[in-house]
Amino acid sequence: MQYYTRMTNCIPRDRYPSAELVETESGTQEKSLRFLYGTTIGRAILKPLVSPIVSKTCGRFLDSGLSKKLIPFFIKKCNLDMTFVNREVGEFKSYNDFFTRELVANARPVDHTNDHLISPCDSKLLVYEIHDDLCVQIKNTTYTMHELLRDPRLAEKYKGGSMFIFRLSVDDYHRYCYIDSGKKTHNRRIPGVFHTVHPVAGDLYPIYKQNTREYCMMRTDHFGDVIMMEVGALNVGRIVNYKQKGRFSRGEEKGRFEFGGSTIVLFFEKDRVVPDPDIMLHSSLEIETKVSMGEKIGVGGVGNV
C-alpha cells in the first residue's frame, strides 16, 4: 500500500509537490487480512480464531511475562525506532506492556495554535466528505455512516461535513490524544459482530464483520461538536479510554489501543474544518498521508467564525 510522508523540514505544508512524497508500505498484513476476510477458506479459518475463548487466551498470553520473548522479534521485523521510548527493552513486563509503550516527554510536540486542527495519533490519514451515499472501508469492512454510528440522528447532523480516518499499523505508536480543549459526553461502546450466510456448501461462514467501536461527542472550543471514534480489531483489539464525561485539554492523552492495528475516526460538522492542501489532494486520489500525533493537519472552517 502506498502513502505519502510529509516533508515538514523542507517545504511549507501547503506547497507539497506530491511526486516527491511517495513511499511504499509493506503489504503483508493487508494481504493476510484480505485473505482471511475476503475468501471462503479464509473466513472458515478466521471464525474460531476470533471466538471469545481464543481471544481471551491470546490476551492473557500477551499480558503475561512469557510474551516478553516476542518483543525483540517485533522490533526487528517492524524496524522500530526506539529513540524516544521511555524505557529500555528489558524493562517491559510483557508484549502488551511494550505494545502500549509511552514515549518521552515532547517526543510528539503538540501544535497549540487555536485554529489548527491536530492529528490525534501516529497514523496514515484519509479524509472524505460525508454524504448520503458515502461508504468507507475500515479494517477491511465497509461501513455507511448509519452503520458506523448506529444513530440516525447523529448521522444526519454530520451530513455535508468531513470524516477523517486515521489508520494505525501495528508498528505505530498506539496512544492517542484530544484534538482540542472542550467537554465530552460518556463513551458509547458498540461490540464487534460477525454476520453469517449459508453458502452453496450449506455450512455457516462469516461473510462480513463489524468491528468493536467506541465513540463520544466532544464539544470542542474551536471546531464545534466533534465525534471521536476508536475502532478495534474484532474480539482482539482492546480500546482503553481513560475517562467518561468531563473536561479535556488539547494534547491530553485520551486513551490507548492494545493488541494489533487499530483506527480512529473523527466526524466534523459542515464547514467546521478544512484539511491541509496536501491531505486533500492525496485523499482525492485515495492515497493516505502519514501524520504524527499533535501535528497540524488542517484549520478551522467558516463554520467557526
C-alpha atoms as a PDB file:
ATOM      1  CA  MET A   1       0.000   0.000   0.000  1.00  0.00           C
ATOM      2  CA  GLN A   2       1.249   3.484  -0.856  1.00  0.00           C
ATOM      3  CA  TYR A   3       1.124   6.555   1.340  1.00  0.00           C
ATOM      4  CA  TYR A   4       2.741   9.971   1.428  1.00  0.00           C
ATOM      5  CA  THR A   5       5.198  11.172   4.054  1.00  0.00           C
ATOM      6  CA  ARG A   6       5.015  14.889   4.768  1.00  0.00           C
ATOM      7  CA  MET A   7       8.294  16.746   4.189  1.00  0.00           C
ATOM      8  CA  THR A   8       7.885  19.198   7.050  1.00  0.00           C
ATOM      9  CA  ASN A   9      11.554  20.172   7.250  1.00  0.00           C
ATOM     10  CA  CYS A  10      11.849  21.137   3.578  1.00  0.00           C
ATOM     11  CA  ILE A  11       8.797  22.975   2.299  1.00  0.00           C
ATOM     12  CA  PRO A  12       5.643  24.594   3.669  1.00  0.00           C
ATOM     13  CA  ARG A  13       2.860  22.023   4.003  1.00  0.00           C
ATOM     14  CA  ASP A  14       0.555  23.907   1.639  1.00  0.00           C
ATOM     15  CA  ARG A  15       3.105  23.654  -1.198  1.00  0.00           C
ATOM     16  CA  TYR A  16       3.998  19.979  -1.206  1.00  0.00           C
ATOM     17  CA  PRO A  17       4.899  18.596  -4.656  1.00  0.00           C
ATOM     18  CA  SER A  18       3.087  15.270  -4.455  1.00  0.00           C
ATOM     19  CA  ALA A  19       5.532  13.395  -6.682  1.00  0.00           C
ATOM     20  CA  GLU A  20       8.260  13.746  -4.064  1.00  0.00           C
ATOM     21  CA  LEU A  21       6.267  12.154  -1.278  1.00  0.00           C
ATOM     22  CA  VAL A  22       5.629   8.585  -2.411  1.00  0.00           C
ATOM     23  CA  GLU A  23       6.642   5.708  -0.160  1.00  0.00           C
ATOM     24  CA  THR A  24       5.679   2.042  -0.146  1.00  0.00           C
ATOM     25  CA  GLU A  25       4.340   0.311   2.945  1.00  0.00           C
ATOM     26  CA  SER A  26       4.687  -3.439   3.425  1.00  0.00           C
ATOM     27  CA  GLY A  27       1.505  -5.107   2.171  1.00  0.00           C
ATOM     28  CA  THR A  28       1.938  -8.405   4.031  1.00  0.00           C
ATOM     29  CA  GLN A  29      -0.531  -7.539   6.774  1.00  0.00           C
ATOM     30  CA  GLU A  30      -3.124  -6.172   4.319  1.00  0.00           C
ATOM     31  CA  LYS A  31      -2.842  -9.226   2.055  1.00  0.00           C
ATOM     32  CA  SER A  32      -3.314 -11.539   5.033  1.00  0.00           C
ATOM     33  CA  LEU A  33      -6.425  -9.666   6.160  1.00  0.00           C
ATOM     34  CA  ARG A  34      -7.876  -9.676   2.654  1.00  0.00           C
ATOM     35  CA  PHE A  35      -7.383 -13.456   2.508  1.00  0.00           C
ATOM     36  CA  LEU A  36      -8.954 -14.036   5.936  1.00  0.00           C
ATOM     37  CA  TYR A  37     -11.955 -11.771   5.446  1.00  0.00           C
ATOM     38  CA  GLY A  38     -12.361 -11.894   1.682  1.00  0.00           C
ATOM     39  CA  THR A  39     -12.292 -15.624   0.849  1.00  0.00           C
ATOM     40  CA  THR A  40     -14.428 -18.567   1.906  1.00  0.00           C
ATOM     41  CA  ILE A  41     -11.385 -20.543   3.106  1.00  0.00           C
ATOM     42  CA  GLY A  42     -10.011 -17.548   4.976  1.00  0.00           C
ATOM     43  CA  ARG A  43     -13.296 -16.890   6.748  1.00  0.00           C
ATOM     44  CA  ALA A  44     -13.544 -20.565   7.735  1.00  0.00           C
ATOM     45  CA  ILE A  45     -10.070 -20.284   9.308  1.00  0.00           C
ATOM     46  CA  LEU A  46     -10.846 -16.955  10.947  1.00  0.00           C
ATOM     47  CA  LYS A  47     -14.111 -17.836  12.673  1.00  0.00           C
ATOM     48  CA  PRO A  48     -12.592 -19.958  15.500  1.00  0.00           C
ATOM     49  CA  LEU A  49      -9.616 -17.596  15.771  1.00  0.00           C
ATOM     50  CA  VAL A  50     -11.822 -14.672  16.764  1.00  0.00           C
ATOM     51  CA  SER A  51     -14.017 -16.620  19.164  1.00  0.00           C
ATOM     52  CA  PRO A  52     -14.166 -15.110  22.681  1.00  0.00           C
ATOM     53  CA  ILE A  53     -12.324 -18.092  24.220  1.00  0.00           C
ATOM     54  CA  VAL A  54      -9.388 -17.889  21.788  1.00  0.00           C
ATOM     55  CA  SER A  55      -9.328 -14.109  22.060  1.00  0.00           C
ATOM     56  CA  LYS A  56      -9.185 -14.155  25.870  1.00  0.00           C
ATOM     57  CA  THR A  57      -6.490 -16.841  25.858  1.00  0.00           C
ATOM     58  CA  CYS A  58      -4.422 -14.791  23.423  1.00  0.00           C
ATOM     59  CA  GLY A  59      -4.937 -11.697  25.547  1.00  0.00           C
ATOM     60  CA  ARG A  60      -3.796 -13.442  28.718  1.00  0.00           C
ATOM     61  CA  PHE A  61      -0.658 -14.676  26.971  1.00  0.00           C
ATOM     62  CA  LEU A  62       0.229 -11.218  25.611  1.00  0.00           C
ATOM     63  CA  ASP A  63      -0.250  -9.769  29.109  1.00  0.00           C
ATOM     64  CA  SER A  64       2.000 -12.432  30.657  1.00  0.00           C
ATOM     65  CA  GLY A  65       5.749 -12.425  31.174  1.00  0.00           C
ATOM     66  CA  LEU A  66       6.081 -15.326  28.709  1.00  0.00           C
ATOM     67  CA  SER A  67       5.291 -12.964  25.829  1.00  0.00           C
ATOM     68  CA  LYS A  68       8.396 -10.813  26.519  1.00  0.00           C
ATOM     69  CA  LYS A  69      10.329 -13.024  24.108  1.00  0.00           C
ATOM     70  CA  LEU A  70       8.251 -11.611  21.234  1.00  0.00           C
ATOM     71  CA  ILE A  71       9.473  -8.038  21.792  1.00  0.00           C
ATOM     72  CA  PRO A  72      12.940  -8.227  20.116  1.00  0.00           C
ATOM     73  CA  PHE A  73      11.429 -10.055  17.129  1.00  0.00           C
ATOM     74  CA  PHE A  74       8.721  -7.386  16.775  1.00  0.00           C
ATOM     75  CA  ILE A  75      11.272  -4.549  16.965  1.00  0.00           C
ATOM     76  CA  LYS A  76      13.433  -6.146  14.284  1.00  0.00           C
ATOM     77  CA  LYS A  77      10.563  -7.140  11.981  1.00  0.00           C
ATOM     78  CA  CYS A  78       8.988  -3.669  12.065  1.00  0.00           C
ATOM     79  CA  ASN A  79      12.324  -1.820  12.133  1.00  0.00           C
ATOM     80  CA  LEU A  80      11.091   0.259  15.062  1.00  0.00           C
ATOM     81  CA  ASP A  81      12.874   3.440  16.069  1.00  0.00           C
ATOM     82  CA  MET A  82      13.367   3.134  19.839  1.00  0.00           C
ATOM     83  CA  THR A  83      14.953   6.583  20.233  1.00  0.00           C
ATOM     84  CA  PHE A  84      12.009   8.206  22.042  1.00  0.00           C
ATOM     85  CA  VAL A  85      10.704   5.214  24.007  1.00  0.00           C
ATOM     86  CA  ASN A  86      10.820   5.995  27.732  1.00  0.00           C
ATOM     87  CA  ARG A  87      12.117   2.555  28.841  1.00  0.00           C
ATOM     88  CA  GLU A  88      14.788   0.069  27.851  1.00  0.00           C
ATOM     89  CA  VAL A  89      13.569  -3.082  26.101  1.00  0.00           C
ATOM     90  CA  GLY A  90      14.415  -5.293  29.080  1.00  0.00           C
ATOM     91  CA  GLU A  91      12.203  -3.226  31.401  1.00  0.00           C
ATOM     92  CA  PHE A  92       8.922  -4.206  29.732  1.00  0.00           C
ATOM     93  CA  LYS A  93       6.927  -6.838  31.628  1.00  0.00           C
ATOM     94  CA  SER A  94       5.060  -8.306  28.636  1.00  0.00           C
ATOM     95  CA  TYR A  95       4.458  -7.899  24.911  1.00  0.00           C
ATOM     96  CA  ASN A  96       1.370  -5.807  25.569  1.00  0.00           C
ATOM     97  CA  ASP A  97       3.291  -3.644  28.036  1.00  0.00           C
ATOM     98  CA  PHE A  98       5.688  -2.924  25.165  1.00  0.00           C
ATOM     99  CA  PHE A  99       2.929  -2.514  22.579  1.00  0.00           C
ATOM    100  CA  THR A 100       1.335   0.255  24.671  1.00  0.00           C
ATOM    101  CA  ARG A 101       4.733   1.834  25.383  1.00  0.00           C
ATOM    102  CA  GLU A 102       4.923   5.518  26.264  1.00  0.00           C
ATOM    103  CA  LEU A 103       7.297   7.977  24.658  1.00  0.00           C
ATOM    104  CA  VAL A 104       9.483  10.508  26.423  1.00  0.00           C
ATOM    105  CA  ALA A 105       8.054  13.978  27.060  1.00  0.00           C
ATOM    106  CA  ASN A 106       7.860  16.193  23.939  1.00  0.00           C
ATOM    107  CA  ALA A 107       8.534  13.280  21.565  1.00  0.00           C
ATOM    108  CA  ARG A 108       5.278  14.333  19.855  1.00  0.00           C
ATOM    109  CA  PRO A 109       5.089  18.154  20.079  1.00  0.00           C
ATOM    110  CA  VAL A 110       1.507  19.451  20.082  1.00  0.00           C
ATOM    111  CA  ASP A 111       0.560  22.433  17.918  1.00  0.00           C
ATOM    112  CA  HIS A 112      -1.374  24.706  20.302  1.00  0.00           C
ATOM    113  CA  THR A 113      -2.496  27.312  17.736  1.00  0.00           C
ATOM    114  CA  ASN A 114      -6.234  27.606  18.379  1.00  0.00           C
ATOM    115  CA  ASP A 115      -7.497  27.246  14.814  1.00  0.00           C
ATOM    116  CA  HIS A 116      -5.032  24.498  13.852  1.00  0.00           C
ATOM    117  CA  LEU A 117      -6.552  21.028  13.718  1.00  0.00           C
ATOM    118  CA  ILE A 118      -4.090  18.430  15.012  1.00  0.00           C
ATOM    119  CA  SER A 119      -3.771  14.697  14.457  1.00  0.00           C
ATOM    120  CA  PRO A 120      -4.852  12.609  17.473  1.00  0.00           C
ATOM    121  CA  CYS A 121      -2.319   9.860  16.715  1.00  0.00           C
ATOM    122  CA  ASP A 122       0.505   8.496  14.589  1.00  0.00           C
ATOM    123  CA  SER A 123      -1.212   7.021  11.543  1.00  0.00           C
ATOM    124  CA  LYS A 124      -1.998   7.123   7.835  1.00  0.00           C
ATOM    125  CA  LEU A 125      -4.838   9.547   7.059  1.00  0.00           C
ATOM    126  CA  LEU A 126      -7.670   9.733   4.525  1.00  0.00           C
ATOM    127  CA  VAL A 127     -10.369  12.438   4.504  1.00  0.00           C
ATOM    128  CA  TYR A 128     -13.873  12.149   2.998  1.00  0.00           C
ATOM    129  CA  GLU A 129     -16.843  14.465   2.592  1.00  0.00           C
ATOM    130  CA  ILE A 130     -19.873  12.994   4.364  1.00  0.00           C
ATOM    131  CA  HIS A 131     -22.874  12.455   2.068  1.00  0.00           C
ATOM    132  CA  ASP A 132     -25.818  10.050   1.860  1.00  0.00           C
ATOM    133  CA  ASP A 133     -24.029   7.527  -0.349  1.00  0.00           C
ATOM    134  CA  LEU A 134     -20.699   7.550   1.485  1.00  0.00           C
ATOM    135  CA  CYS A 135     -19.249   4.098   2.180  1.00  0.00           C
ATOM    136  CA  VAL A 136     -15.822   3.826   3.778  1.00  0.00           C
ATOM    137  CA  GLN A 137     -13.583   0.849   4.408  1.00  0.00           C
ATOM    138  CA  ILE A 138     -12.204   0.499   7.939  1.00  0.00           C
ATOM    139  CA  LYS A 139     -10.187  -2.554   8.893  1.00  0.00           C
ATOM    140  CA  ASN A 140     -11.364  -4.465   5.807  1.00  0.00           C
ATOM    141  CA  THR A 141     -15.039  -3.772   6.497  1.00  0.00           C
ATOM    142  CA  THR A 142     -17.240  -1.365   4.526  1.00  0.00           C
ATOM    143  CA  TYR A 143     -19.487   0.956   6.546  1.00  0.00           C
ATOM    144  CA  THR A 144     -22.075   3.634   5.892  1.00  0.00           C
ATOM    145  CA  MET A 145     -22.453   6.493   8.374  1.00  0.00           C
ATOM    146  CA  HIS A 146     -25.522   4.800   9.879  1.00  0.00           C
ATOM    147  CA  GLU A 147     -23.650   1.505  10.311  1.00  0.00           C
ATOM    148  CA  LEU A 148     -20.682   3.207  11.948  1.00  0.00           C
ATOM    149  CA  LEU A 149     -22.663   5.285  14.455  1.00  0.00           C
ATOM    150  CA  ARG A 150     -25.885   3.259  14.794  1.00  0.00           C
ATOM    151  CA  ASP A 151     -27.601   6.580  15.431  1.00  0.00           C
ATOM    152  CA  PRO A 152     -29.639   8.128  12.556  1.00  0.00           C
ATOM    153  CA  ARG A 153     -29.894  11.490  14.313  1.00  0.00           C
ATOM    154  CA  LEU A 154     -26.130  11.821  14.613  1.00  0.00           C
ATOM    155  CA  ALA A 155     -25.594  10.610  11.049  1.00  0.00           C
ATOM    156  CA  GLU A 156     -27.925  13.373   9.837  1.00  0.00           C
ATOM    157  CA  LYS A 157     -26.171  16.002  11.999  1.00  0.00           C
ATOM    158  CA  TYR A 158     -22.850  15.401  10.234  1.00  0.00           C
ATOM    159  CA  LYS A 159     -24.157  15.282   6.644  1.00  0.00           C
ATOM    160  CA  GLY A 160     -22.090  17.635   4.497  1.00  0.00           C
ATOM    161  CA  GLY A 161     -19.242  17.555   6.999  1.00  0.00           C
ATOM    162  CA  SER A 162     -15.910  15.730   6.981  1.00  0.00           C
ATOM    163  CA  MET A 163     -14.744  12.286   8.068  1.00  0.00           C
ATOM    164  CA  PHE A 164     -11.067  11.850   8.950  1.00  0.00           C
ATOM    165  CA  ILE A 165      -9.908   8.209   9.068  1.00  0.00           C
ATOM    166  CA  PHE A 166      -6.600   7.570  10.847  1.00  0.00           C
ATOM    167  CA  ARG A 167      -5.292   4.041  10.202  1.00  0.00           C
ATOM    168  CA  LEU A 168      -2.734   2.795  12.720  1.00  0.00           C
ATOM    169  CA  SER A 169      -0.370  -0.001  11.691  1.00  0.00           C
ATOM    170  CA  VAL A 170       0.958  -2.461  14.264  1.00  0.00           C
ATOM    171  CA  ASP A 171       4.278  -0.577  14.318  1.00  0.00           C
ATOM    172  CA  ASP A 172       2.670   2.819  15.071  1.00  0.00           C
ATOM    173  CA  TYR A 173       2.529   4.469  18.490  1.00  0.00           C
ATOM    174  CA  HIS A 174      -0.796   3.249  19.896  1.00  0.00           C
ATOM    175  CA  ARG A 175      -1.694   6.066  22.276  1.00  0.00           C
ATOM    176  CA  TYR A 176      -3.940   8.929  21.164  1.00  0.00           C
ATOM    177  CA  CYS A 177      -4.842  12.432  22.349  1.00  0.00           C
ATOM    178  CA  TYR A 178      -7.618  15.022  22.282  1.00  0.00           C
ATOM    179  CA  ILE A 179      -7.514  17.352  19.255  1.00  0.00           C
ATOM    180  CA  ASP A 180      -8.696  20.446  21.164  1.00  0.00           C
ATOM    181  CA  SER A 181      -9.905  21.570  24.567  1.00  0.00           C
ATOM    182  CA  GLY A 182     -13.558  21.178  25.475  1.00  0.00           C
ATOM    183  CA  LYS A 183     -16.080  18.911  27.187  1.00  0.00           C
ATOM    184  CA  LYS A 184     -17.067  15.328  26.289  1.00  0.00           C
ATOM    185  CA  THR A 185     -20.025  13.002  26.766  1.00  0.00           C
ATOM    186  CA  HIS A 186     -19.820   9.444  28.064  1.00  0.00           C
ATOM    187  CA  ASN A 187     -18.268   6.770  25.832  1.00  0.00           C
ATOM    188  CA  ARG A 188     -20.677   4.663  23.783  1.00  0.00           C
ATOM    189  CA  ARG A 189     -19.421   1.141  23.030  1.00  0.00           C
ATOM    190  CA  ILE A 190     -20.569  -0.989  20.065  1.00  0.00           C
ATOM    191  CA  PRO A 191     -19.434  -4.638  20.310  1.00  0.00           C
ATOM    192  CA  GLY A 192     -17.952  -6.292  17.236  1.00  0.00           C
ATOM    193  CA  VAL A 193     -20.003  -8.969  15.488  1.00  0.00           C
ATOM    194  CA  PHE A 194     -19.824 -11.381  12.556  1.00  0.00           C
ATOM    195  CA  HIS A 195     -22.762 -11.708  10.179  1.00  0.00           C
ATOM    196  CA  THR A 196     -23.132 -15.126   8.546  1.00  0.00           C
ATOM    197  CA  VAL A 197     -24.812 -16.637   5.499  1.00  0.00           C
ATOM    198  CA  HIS A 198     -25.305 -20.121   4.097  1.00  0.00           C
ATOM    199  CA  PRO A 199     -23.009 -20.613   1.098  1.00  0.00           C
ATOM    200  CA  VAL A 200     -23.670 -23.294  -1.518  1.00  0.00           C
ATOM    201  CA  ALA A 201     -21.910 -25.917   0.589  1.00  0.00           C
ATOM    202  CA  GLY A 202     -24.529 -25.432   3.301  1.00  0.00           C
ATOM    203  CA  ASP A 203     -22.121 -24.533   6.096  1.00  0.00           C
ATOM    204  CA  LEU A 204     -22.208 -21.271   8.014  1.00  0.00           C
ATOM    205  CA  TYR A 205     -19.327 -18.917   7.221  1.00  0.00           C
ATOM    206  CA  PRO A 206     -18.837 -15.292   8.258  1.00  0.00           C
ATOM    207  CA  ILE A 207     -19.472 -13.136   5.218  1.00  0.00           C
ATOM    208  CA  TYR A 208     -18.696  -9.745   6.754  1.00  0.00           C
ATOM    209  CA  LYS A 209     -17.951  -8.245  10.134  1.00  0.00           C
ATOM    210  CA  GLN A 210     -18.394  -5.105  12.164  1.00  0.00           C
ATOM    211  CA  ASN A 211     -15.530  -4.206  14.454  1.00  0.00           C
ATOM    212  CA  THR A 212     -15.700  -3.158  18.089  1.00  0.00           C
ATOM    213  CA  ARG A 213     -16.184   0.606  18.230  1.00  0.00           C
ATOM    214  CA  GLU A 214     -16.289   3.220  20.960  1.00  0.00           C
ATOM    215  CA  TYR A 215     -17.132   6.877  20.481  1.00  0.00           C
ATOM    216  CA  CYS A 216     -18.021  10.078  22.291  1.00  0.00           C
ATOM    217  CA  MET A 217     -19.281  13.536  21.375  1.00  0.00           C
ATOM    218  CA  MET A 218     -16.766  16.293  22.079  1.00  0.00           C
ATOM    219  CA  ARG A 219     -17.990  19.896  22.342  1.00  0.00           C
ATOM    220  CA  THR A 220     -14.690  21.484  21.353  1.00  0.00           C
ATOM    221  CA  ASP A 221     -13.662  25.100  21.838  1.00  0.00           C
ATOM    222  CA  HIS A 222     -12.628  25.701  18.211  1.00  0.00           C
ATOM    223  CA  PHE A 223     -14.146  23.023  15.912  1.00  0.00           C
ATOM    224  CA  GLY A 224     -17.734  22.624  17.069  1.00  0.00           C
ATOM    225  CA  ASP A 225     -19.268  19.283  18.043  1.00  0.00           C
ATOM    226  CA  VAL A 226     -16.816  16.556  17.024  1.00  0.00           C
ATOM    227  CA  ILE A 227     -17.335  12.801  17.271  1.00  0.00           C
ATOM    228  CA  MET A 228     -14.189  10.827  18.026  1.00  0.00           C
ATOM    229  CA  MET A 229     -14.447   7.089  17.412  1.00  0.00           C
ATOM    230  CA  GLU A 230     -11.934   4.347  18.183  1.00  0.00           C
ATOM    231  CA  VAL A 231     -12.180   1.106  16.185  1.00  0.00           C
ATOM    232  CA  GLY A 232     -10.513  -2.088  17.401  1.00  0.00           C
ATOM    233  CA  ALA A 233      -9.992  -5.483  15.820  1.00  0.00           C
ATOM    234  CA  LEU A 234     -12.978  -7.793  16.281  1.00  0.00           C
ATOM    235  CA  ASN A 235     -12.691  -9.635  19.650  1.00  0.00           C
ATOM    236  CA  VAL A 236      -8.951  -8.944  19.717  1.00  0.00           C
ATOM    237  CA  GLY A 237      -8.095  -5.240  19.809  1.00  0.00           C
ATOM    238  CA  ARG A 238      -8.839  -3.594  23.153  1.00  0.00           C
ATOM    239  CA  ILE A 239      -9.843   0.059  23.359  1.00  0.00           C
ATOM    240  CA  VAL A 240      -8.866   1.731  26.627  1.00  0.00           C
ATOM    241  CA  ASN A 241     -10.297   5.218  27.173  1.00  0.00           C
ATOM    242  CA  TYR A 242      -9.348   6.902  30.431  1.00  0.00           C
ATOM    243  CA  LYS A 243     -12.404   8.995  31.310  1.00  0.00           C
ATOM    244  CA  GLN A 244     -16.139   9.214  30.790  1.00  0.00           C
ATOM    245  CA  LYS A 245     -17.799  12.638  30.938  1.00  0.00           C
ATOM    246  CA  GLY A 246     -15.776  15.740  31.665  1.00  0.00           C
ATOM    247  CA  ARG A 247     -13.386  18.445  30.508  1.00  0.00           C
ATOM    248  CA  PHE A 248     -10.320  17.743  28.412  1.00  0.00           C
ATOM    249  CA  SER A 249      -7.361  19.707  27.031  1.00  0.00           C
ATOM    250  CA  ARG A 250      -5.680  19.797  23.634  1.00  0.00           C
ATOM    251  CA  GLY A 251      -2.913  17.196  23.517  1.00  0.00           C
ATOM    252  CA  GLU A 252      -4.109  15.409  26.671  1.00  0.00           C
ATOM    253  CA  GLU A 253      -3.821  11.642  26.295  1.00  0.00           C
ATOM    254  CA  LYS A 254      -7.317  10.247  25.693  1.00  0.00           C
ATOM    255  CA  GLY A 255      -6.524   6.544  25.670  1.00  0.00           C
ATOM    256  CA  ARG A 256      -4.655   3.686  24.032  1.00  0.00           C
ATOM    257  CA  PHE A 257      -5.128   0.578  21.899  1.00  0.00           C
ATOM    258  CA  GLU A 258      -3.918  -2.868  22.947  1.00  0.00           C
ATOM    259  CA  PHE A 259      -3.068  -5.803  20.613  1.00  0.00           C
ATOM    260  CA  GLY A 260      -2.594  -5.063  16.917  1.00  0.00           C
ATOM    261  CA  GLY A 261      -3.517  -2.366  14.452  1.00  0.00           C
ATOM    262  CA  SER A 262      -6.477  -0.051  15.026  1.00  0.00           C
ATOM    263  CA  THR A 263      -8.261   3.004  13.598  1.00  0.00           C
ATOM    264  CA  ILE A 264      -9.518   6.394  14.820  1.00  0.00           C
ATOM    265  CA  VAL A 265     -12.305   8.283  13.041  1.00  0.00           C
ATOM    266  CA  LEU A 266     -13.163  11.964  13.524  1.00  0.00           C
ATOM    267  CA  PHE A 267     -16.509  13.384  12.343  1.00  0.00           C
ATOM    268  CA  PHE A 268     -16.849  17.148  11.809  1.00  0.00           C
ATOM    269  CA  GLU A 269     -19.965  19.175  11.025  1.00  0.00           C
ATOM    270  CA  LYS A 270     -20.257  21.041   7.741  1.00  0.00           C
ATOM    271  CA  ASP A 271     -17.781  23.915   7.227  1.00  0.00           C
ATOM    272  CA  ARG A 272     -16.057  23.337  10.567  1.00  0.00           C
ATOM    273  CA  VAL A 273     -12.630  22.263   9.275  1.00  0.00           C
ATOM    274  CA  VAL A 274     -10.535  22.474   6.113  1.00  0.00           C
ATOM    275  CA  PRO A 275      -7.852  19.768   5.697  1.00  0.00           C
ATOM    276  CA  ASP A 276      -4.358  20.843   4.673  1.00  0.00           C
ATOM    277  CA  PRO A 277      -3.987  21.007   0.847  1.00  0.00           C
ATOM    278  CA  ASP A 278      -1.619  18.036   0.618  1.00  0.00           C
ATOM    279  CA  ILE A 279      -4.034  15.845   2.599  1.00  0.00           C
ATOM    280  CA  MET A 280      -6.980  16.951   0.435  1.00  0.00           C
ATOM    281  CA  LEU A 281      -5.035  16.161  -2.738  1.00  0.00           C
ATOM    282  CA  HIS A 282      -3.856  12.749  -1.588  1.00  0.00           C
ATOM    283  CA  SER A 283      -7.302  11.809  -0.251  1.00  0.00           C
ATOM    284  CA  SER A 284      -8.902  12.693  -3.597  1.00  0.00           C
ATOM    285  CA  LEU A 285      -6.579  10.076  -5.116  1.00  0.00           C
ATOM    286  CA  GLU A 286      -7.403   7.537  -2.366  1.00  0.00           C
ATOM    287  CA  ILE A 287      -3.797   7.702  -1.139  1.00  0.00           C
ATOM    288  CA  GLU A 288      -3.081   8.063   2.574  1.00  0.00           C
ATOM    289  CA  THR A 289      -0.890  10.731   4.168  1.00  0.00           C
ATOM    290  CA  LYS A 290       1.370   9.756   7.049  1.00  0.00           C
ATOM    291  CA  VAL A 291       0.828  12.015  10.084  1.00  0.00           C
ATOM    292  CA  SER A 292       2.089  12.195  13.659  1.00  0.00           C
ATOM    293  CA  MET A 293       0.262  12.867  16.901  1.00  0.00           C
ATOM    294  CA  GLY A 294      -0.009  16.585  17.631  1.00  0.00           C
ATOM    295  CA  GLU A 295       0.928  17.895  14.182  1.00  0.00           C
ATOM    296  CA  LYS A 296      -1.233  20.290  12.174  1.00  0.00           C
ATOM    297  CA  ILE A 297      -3.454  18.592   9.597  1.00  0.00           C
ATOM    298  CA  GLY A 298      -5.983  21.357   8.887  1.00  0.00           C
ATOM    299  CA  VAL A 299      -7.557  24.631  10.020  1.00  0.00           C
ATOM    300  CA  GLY A 300     -10.899  25.764  11.369  1.00  0.00           C
ATOM    301  CA  GLY A 301     -13.503  26.486   8.677  1.00  0.00           C
ATOM    302  CA  VAL A 302     -16.047  29.230   8.081  1.00  0.00           C
ATOM    303  CA  GLY A 303     -18.452  27.498  10.476  1.00  0.00           C
ATOM    304  CA  ASN A 304     -16.210  28.529  13.360  1.00  0.00           C
ATOM    305  CA  VAL A 305     -16.242  32.258  12.569  1.00  0.00           C
END
